[in-house]
Amino acid sequence: MRSDRGQQASLPLKIGATCGLLFLHLPILLIFVYAFTTEEKSYQWPPPGLTLQWFGIAWNRPDVWSSLALSVQVATVATAIALVLGTLCAAAVSQTKFFGREAISLLVILPIALPGIITGIALRSAFSLFDIPFSVWTIVLGHATFCVVVVYNNAVARFRRTSGSLIEASMDLGADGFQTFRHIILPNIGTALLAGGMLAFALSFDEVIVTTFTGGQQMTLPIWMLEELIRPRQRPVTNVVAMVVVLVTFLPILAAYYLTRDGDQIAGGGK
C-alpha cells in the first residue's frame, strides 16, 4: 500500500498554500522595497526611485540606537525572569499534586488571555498605588507578566511528556538533584525552554500597548517606530530599521529551528 505522504499535493492545495504564504510575507517584502524609496513623505507604488541614503541616515541617528538597546535590554531581562519563573511553575503544576492546582494553572495563563490594555491599566494603577516611578524595570515587570505564560505553556507540555520513571531511576542510581536536572530533566525540556524563550523575547521586543502604560518617558524600538510613522518626513528610515530587525532576528530563528527539530525524542536514556 502506498503511503499518503508520497502523494503529490493537488493544484488547488498548491494555490491555497501559495496564497497563504503571500498573505503572510508580502507586507514584509513591501517593507524591504520602501526602505529604498526616494519618496520620504508617503508610500507610492511603484516607488518613484531607489536610493541607499536612508541607511546612512538611520545609522547616524542616536535615537535609533538608544531605542534598540532599550528593547534588547528589556526583552533579555524579561525573558530571563520568564524562564526561571515559568519553568519552576510548570514543574510544580506538572510534577506534583496539590489542592487548587488547576486553579493556579488558570491564573498563570490569565495575563496573556486578557487584552493588553487591561494589563497595562492594571500595572499602571499598581505602580501608582505603591509610588513606583516609571523606569526600565517597570517595563520589564510589565513584559514579564505575559512572557512567563509563554515559557510556562511550553515547559508544562514537555514536563507532562517526560516520564517520571526516568527521574526516579536517576535518583535510585545515586544521582543527586543537580545531576538529575542536568542529565535527565534539562535534556528533555531544553528545546521547549529554547522555543519558549525565543517566543517570549520576540513578544517582549515588539510589545507596544503594555509598554505605553508602564514605560513613562522610556522609548523602546516599537514605540519609536510608531512615533516615526506619524511624522511627515523621513518615513523610509522606519522601514530601514524594520528591515534590519527582520534580517537580524531571522538568524537565531533559523538556528533554533535546526536545534529543535529532534525535540520530540526523549533524552536521558543513555545517561
Protein backbone atom coordinates (compact mmCIF):
# COMPACT_ATOMS: atom_id res chain seq x y z
CA MET A 1 0.00 0.00 0.00
CA ARG A 2 1.37 3.38 -0.96
CA SER A 3 1.80 5.86 1.87
CA ASP A 4 -0.23 9.07 1.80
CA ARG A 5 2.99 11.03 2.32
CA GLY A 6 4.16 10.00 -1.15
CA GLN A 7 1.17 11.62 -2.90
CA GLN A 8 1.66 14.96 -4.57
CA ALA A 9 -0.42 17.92 -3.49
CA SER A 10 -3.31 18.84 -5.76
CA LEU A 11 -3.30 22.07 -7.75
CA PRO A 12 -5.95 23.81 -5.58
CA LEU A 13 -3.93 22.92 -2.49
CA LYS A 14 -0.77 24.37 -4.02
CA ILE A 15 -2.62 27.55 -5.00
CA GLY A 16 -4.07 27.87 -1.49
CA ALA A 17 -0.66 27.38 0.11
CA THR A 18 0.88 29.97 -2.23
CA CYS A 19 -1.86 32.49 -1.42
CA GLY A 20 -1.34 31.89 2.29
CA LEU A 21 2.40 32.47 2.03
CA LEU A 22 1.88 35.66 0.00
CA PHE A 23 -0.66 36.91 2.53
CA LEU A 24 1.85 36.35 5.35
CA HIS A 25 5.02 37.62 3.69
CA LEU A 26 4.00 40.22 1.10
CA PRO A 27 3.76 43.03 3.71
CA ILE A 28 7.30 42.16 4.86
CA LEU A 29 8.54 42.35 1.27
CA LEU A 30 6.92 45.79 0.93
CA ILE A 31 8.95 46.95 3.94
CA PHE A 32 12.11 45.97 2.10
CA VAL A 33 11.03 47.87 -1.03
CA TYR A 34 10.04 51.06 0.81
CA ALA A 35 13.38 51.09 2.63
CA PHE A 36 14.98 52.07 -0.71
CA THR A 37 12.38 54.54 -1.99
CA THR A 38 13.27 58.15 -2.77
CA GLU A 39 9.86 59.37 -1.55
CA GLU A 40 10.16 60.49 2.06
CA LYS A 41 6.63 61.59 2.95
CA SER A 42 4.22 58.96 1.61
CA TYR A 43 4.01 55.44 0.27
CA GLN A 44 3.77 55.35 -3.51
CA TRP A 45 3.56 52.27 -5.70
CA PRO A 46 5.64 51.77 -7.62
CA PRO A 47 8.34 53.78 -5.83
CA PRO A 48 9.40 56.86 -7.84
CA GLY A 49 13.07 55.90 -7.42
CA LEU A 50 15.55 53.89 -5.41
CA THR A 51 18.27 55.15 -3.07
CA LEU A 52 20.53 54.00 -0.23
CA GLN A 53 20.57 57.31 1.63
CA TRP A 54 18.11 56.16 4.31
CA PHE A 55 20.55 53.53 5.55
CA GLY A 56 23.17 56.19 6.30
CA ILE A 57 20.58 58.41 7.97
CA ALA A 58 19.31 55.57 10.18
CA TRP A 59 22.89 54.55 11.09
CA ASN A 60 23.76 58.07 12.26
CA ARG A 61 20.64 58.65 14.36
CA PRO A 62 21.38 58.14 18.06
CA ASP A 63 17.69 57.76 18.92
CA VAL A 64 17.56 54.58 16.84
CA TRP A 65 20.46 53.03 18.74
CA SER A 66 19.16 54.04 22.17
CA SER A 67 15.69 52.64 21.44
CA LEU A 68 17.17 49.42 20.07
CA ALA A 69 19.42 49.00 23.11
CA LEU A 70 16.49 49.55 25.46
CA SER A 71 14.32 46.99 23.64
CA VAL A 72 17.09 44.38 23.72
CA GLN A 73 17.76 45.06 27.40
CA VAL A 74 14.10 44.81 28.38
CA ALA A 75 13.45 41.70 26.30
CA THR A 76 16.56 39.95 27.64
CA VAL A 77 15.75 40.58 31.30
CA ALA A 78 12.04 39.81 30.87
CA THR A 79 12.90 36.54 29.10
CA ALA A 80 15.35 35.56 31.84
CA ILE A 81 12.71 36.18 34.52
CA ALA A 82 10.14 34.25 32.49
CA LEU A 83 12.46 31.27 32.03
CA VAL A 84 13.05 30.96 35.77
CA LEU A 85 9.51 31.57 37.00
CA GLY A 86 7.77 29.80 34.12
CA THR A 87 9.91 26.68 34.45
CA LEU A 88 9.51 26.47 38.22
CA CYS A 89 5.76 26.96 37.98
CA ALA A 90 5.48 24.35 35.21
CA ALA A 91 7.46 21.86 37.28
CA ALA A 92 5.25 22.41 40.32
CA VAL A 93 1.99 22.06 38.37
CA SER A 94 3.00 19.05 36.26
CA GLN A 95 5.12 17.04 38.70
CA THR A 96 3.16 17.42 41.95
CA LYS A 97 -0.44 17.14 43.11
CA PHE A 98 -1.99 19.64 45.50
CA PHE A 99 -5.30 21.33 46.17
CA GLY A 100 -6.12 24.10 43.69
CA ARG A 101 -3.56 23.03 41.09
CA GLU A 102 -5.89 23.59 38.13
CA ALA A 103 -6.94 26.98 39.51
CA ILE A 104 -3.31 28.05 39.79
CA SER A 105 -2.69 26.88 36.22
CA LEU A 106 -5.59 29.03 35.05
CA LEU A 107 -4.31 32.06 36.95
CA VAL A 108 -0.85 31.64 35.40
CA ILE A 109 -2.14 31.77 31.82
CA LEU A 110 -4.71 34.51 32.53
CA PRO A 111 -2.43 37.52 31.81
CA ILE A 112 -1.89 36.53 28.17
CA ALA A 113 -5.62 35.91 27.70
CA LEU A 114 -6.55 39.40 28.88
CA PRO A 115 -6.39 42.33 26.43
CA GLY A 116 -3.09 44.18 26.62
CA ILE A 117 -4.81 47.44 27.54
CA ILE A 118 -6.34 45.78 30.64
CA THR A 119 -2.93 44.52 31.73
CA GLY A 120 -1.41 47.92 31.07
CA ILE A 121 -4.03 49.78 33.09
CA ALA A 122 -3.74 47.29 35.96
CA LEU A 123 0.06 47.60 36.08
CA ARG A 124 -0.03 51.38 35.86
CA SER A 125 -2.55 51.53 38.71
CA ALA A 126 -0.39 49.21 40.83
CA PHE A 127 2.76 51.24 40.19
CA SER A 128 0.93 54.46 41.09
CA LEU A 129 -0.54 52.90 44.24
CA PHE A 130 2.89 51.91 45.54
CA ASP A 131 4.59 55.09 44.27
CA ILE A 132 6.91 53.14 41.96
CA PRO A 133 8.48 55.54 39.41
CA PHE A 134 8.36 54.54 35.78
CA SER A 135 11.67 53.17 34.55
CA VAL A 136 13.22 50.31 32.63
CA TRP A 137 12.26 47.96 35.45
CA THR A 138 8.56 48.82 35.26
CA ILE A 139 8.66 47.91 31.57
CA VAL A 140 10.46 44.65 32.41
CA LEU A 141 7.85 43.75 35.03
CA GLY A 142 5.06 44.51 32.58
CA HIS A 143 6.59 42.36 29.85
CA ALA A 144 7.39 39.52 32.25
CA THR A 145 3.70 39.10 33.07
CA PHE A 146 2.97 37.61 29.64
CA CYS A 147 6.45 36.21 28.94
CA VAL A 148 6.06 33.88 31.93
CA VAL A 149 2.91 32.46 30.35
CA VAL A 150 4.71 31.65 27.08
CA VAL A 151 7.51 29.78 28.85
CA TYR A 152 5.05 28.07 31.18
CA ASN A 153 2.91 26.71 28.32
CA ASN A 154 5.95 25.24 26.55
CA ALA A 155 7.55 23.85 29.70
CA VAL A 156 4.42 22.29 31.21
CA ALA A 157 3.64 20.46 27.97
CA ARG A 158 7.14 18.99 27.86
CA PHE A 159 7.12 18.10 31.58
CA ARG A 160 3.91 16.13 31.10
CA ARG A 161 5.53 14.19 28.24
CA THR A 162 8.60 13.35 30.31
CA SER A 163 8.34 10.02 32.10
CA GLY A 164 8.65 10.29 35.85
CA SER A 165 10.34 6.87 35.90
CA LEU A 166 13.45 8.45 34.36
CA ILE A 167 13.78 10.82 37.29
CA GLU A 168 13.12 8.05 39.79
CA ALA A 169 15.69 5.80 38.12
CA SER A 170 18.26 8.57 38.19
CA MET A 171 17.76 9.11 41.91
CA ASP A 172 17.82 5.35 42.59
CA LEU A 173 21.19 5.11 40.81
CA GLY A 174 22.71 7.63 43.20
CA ALA A 175 22.43 10.87 41.22
CA ASP A 176 21.83 13.98 43.28
CA GLY A 177 19.33 16.67 42.40
CA PHE A 178 21.73 18.69 40.25
CA GLN A 179 22.89 15.64 38.29
CA THR A 180 19.31 14.56 37.68
CA PHE A 181 18.41 18.01 36.47
CA ARG A 182 21.47 18.21 34.22
CA HIS A 183 21.30 14.76 32.62
CA ILE A 184 17.57 13.96 32.70
CA ILE A 185 15.31 16.97 33.13
CA LEU A 186 17.20 19.62 31.16
CA PRO A 187 17.76 17.48 28.03
CA ASN A 188 14.03 16.73 27.94
CA ILE A 189 12.78 20.28 28.45
CA GLY A 190 15.71 22.15 26.88
CA THR A 191 14.19 22.54 23.43
CA ALA A 192 10.85 23.60 24.93
CA LEU A 193 12.61 26.26 27.01
CA LEU A 194 14.52 27.43 23.95
CA ALA A 195 11.34 27.78 21.93
CA GLY A 196 9.51 29.46 24.81
CA GLY A 197 12.40 31.82 25.48
CA MET A 198 12.62 32.85 21.84
CA LEU A 199 8.89 33.49 21.64
CA ALA A 200 8.97 35.41 24.92
CA PHE A 201 11.86 37.53 23.63
CA ALA A 202 10.01 38.26 20.40
CA LEU A 203 6.78 39.19 22.21
CA SER A 204 8.66 41.49 24.57
CA PHE A 205 10.70 43.06 21.79
CA ASP A 206 7.65 44.20 19.79
CA GLU A 207 5.25 44.95 22.67
CA VAL A 208 3.53 48.35 22.35
CA ILE A 209 0.39 48.52 24.50
CA VAL A 210 1.81 47.41 27.86
CA THR A 211 4.94 49.49 27.22
CA THR A 212 2.81 52.58 26.65
CA PHE A 213 1.30 52.25 30.14
CA THR A 214 4.46 51.21 32.00
CA GLY A 215 7.28 52.98 30.16
CA GLY A 216 6.78 56.60 31.15
CA GLN A 217 9.29 58.60 29.08
CA GLN A 218 11.26 55.49 28.11
CA MET A 219 11.08 54.73 24.38
CA THR A 220 11.56 51.20 23.14
CA LEU A 221 12.09 50.49 19.46
CA PRO A 222 8.40 49.69 18.66
CA ILE A 223 7.31 52.93 20.35
CA TRP A 224 9.98 54.82 18.38
CA MET A 225 8.81 53.27 15.11
CA LEU A 226 5.17 54.11 15.88
CA GLU A 227 6.02 57.75 16.52
CA GLU A 228 8.22 57.94 13.42
CA LEU A 229 5.35 56.76 11.23
CA ILE A 230 3.26 59.70 12.43
CA ARG A 231 5.89 62.23 11.37
CA PRO A 232 5.61 63.55 7.79
CA ARG A 233 9.31 63.30 6.89
CA GLN A 234 11.86 60.50 6.55
CA ARG A 235 9.35 57.67 6.86
CA PRO A 236 11.68 55.30 4.94
CA VAL A 237 14.02 55.39 7.97
CA THR A 238 11.40 53.39 9.85
CA ASN A 239 11.35 50.80 7.07
CA VAL A 240 15.15 50.58 7.16
CA VAL A 241 15.07 49.86 10.89
CA ALA A 242 12.28 47.30 10.41
CA MET A 243 14.23 45.58 7.62
CA VAL A 244 17.37 45.32 9.72
CA VAL A 245 15.36 43.88 12.63
CA VAL A 246 13.85 41.23 10.33
CA LEU A 247 17.26 40.24 8.96
CA VAL A 248 18.92 40.10 12.39
CA THR A 249 16.14 38.08 14.05
CA PHE A 250 15.98 35.60 11.17
CA LEU A 251 19.34 34.06 12.08
CA PRO A 252 18.51 32.95 15.65
CA ILE A 253 15.11 31.71 14.47
CA LEU A 254 16.82 29.60 11.82
CA ALA A 255 19.32 28.31 14.37
CA ALA A 256 16.55 27.44 16.82
CA TYR A 257 14.72 25.55 14.08
CA TYR A 258 17.68 23.26 13.49
CA LEU A 259 18.27 22.85 17.22
CA THR A 260 14.66 21.89 17.97
CA ARG A 261 14.00 19.54 15.05
CA ASP A 262 14.55 16.48 17.26
CA GLY A 263 12.69 17.87 20.27
CA ASP A 264 10.17 15.05 20.24
CA GLN A 265 12.75 12.50 21.33
CA ILE A 266 13.06 11.61 24.99
CA ALA A 267 16.53 12.38 26.30
CA GLY A 268 18.33 10.83 29.19
CA GLY A 269 18.13 7.24 28.20
CA GLY A 270 21.86 6.93 27.78
CA LYS A 271 22.93 8.86 30.84
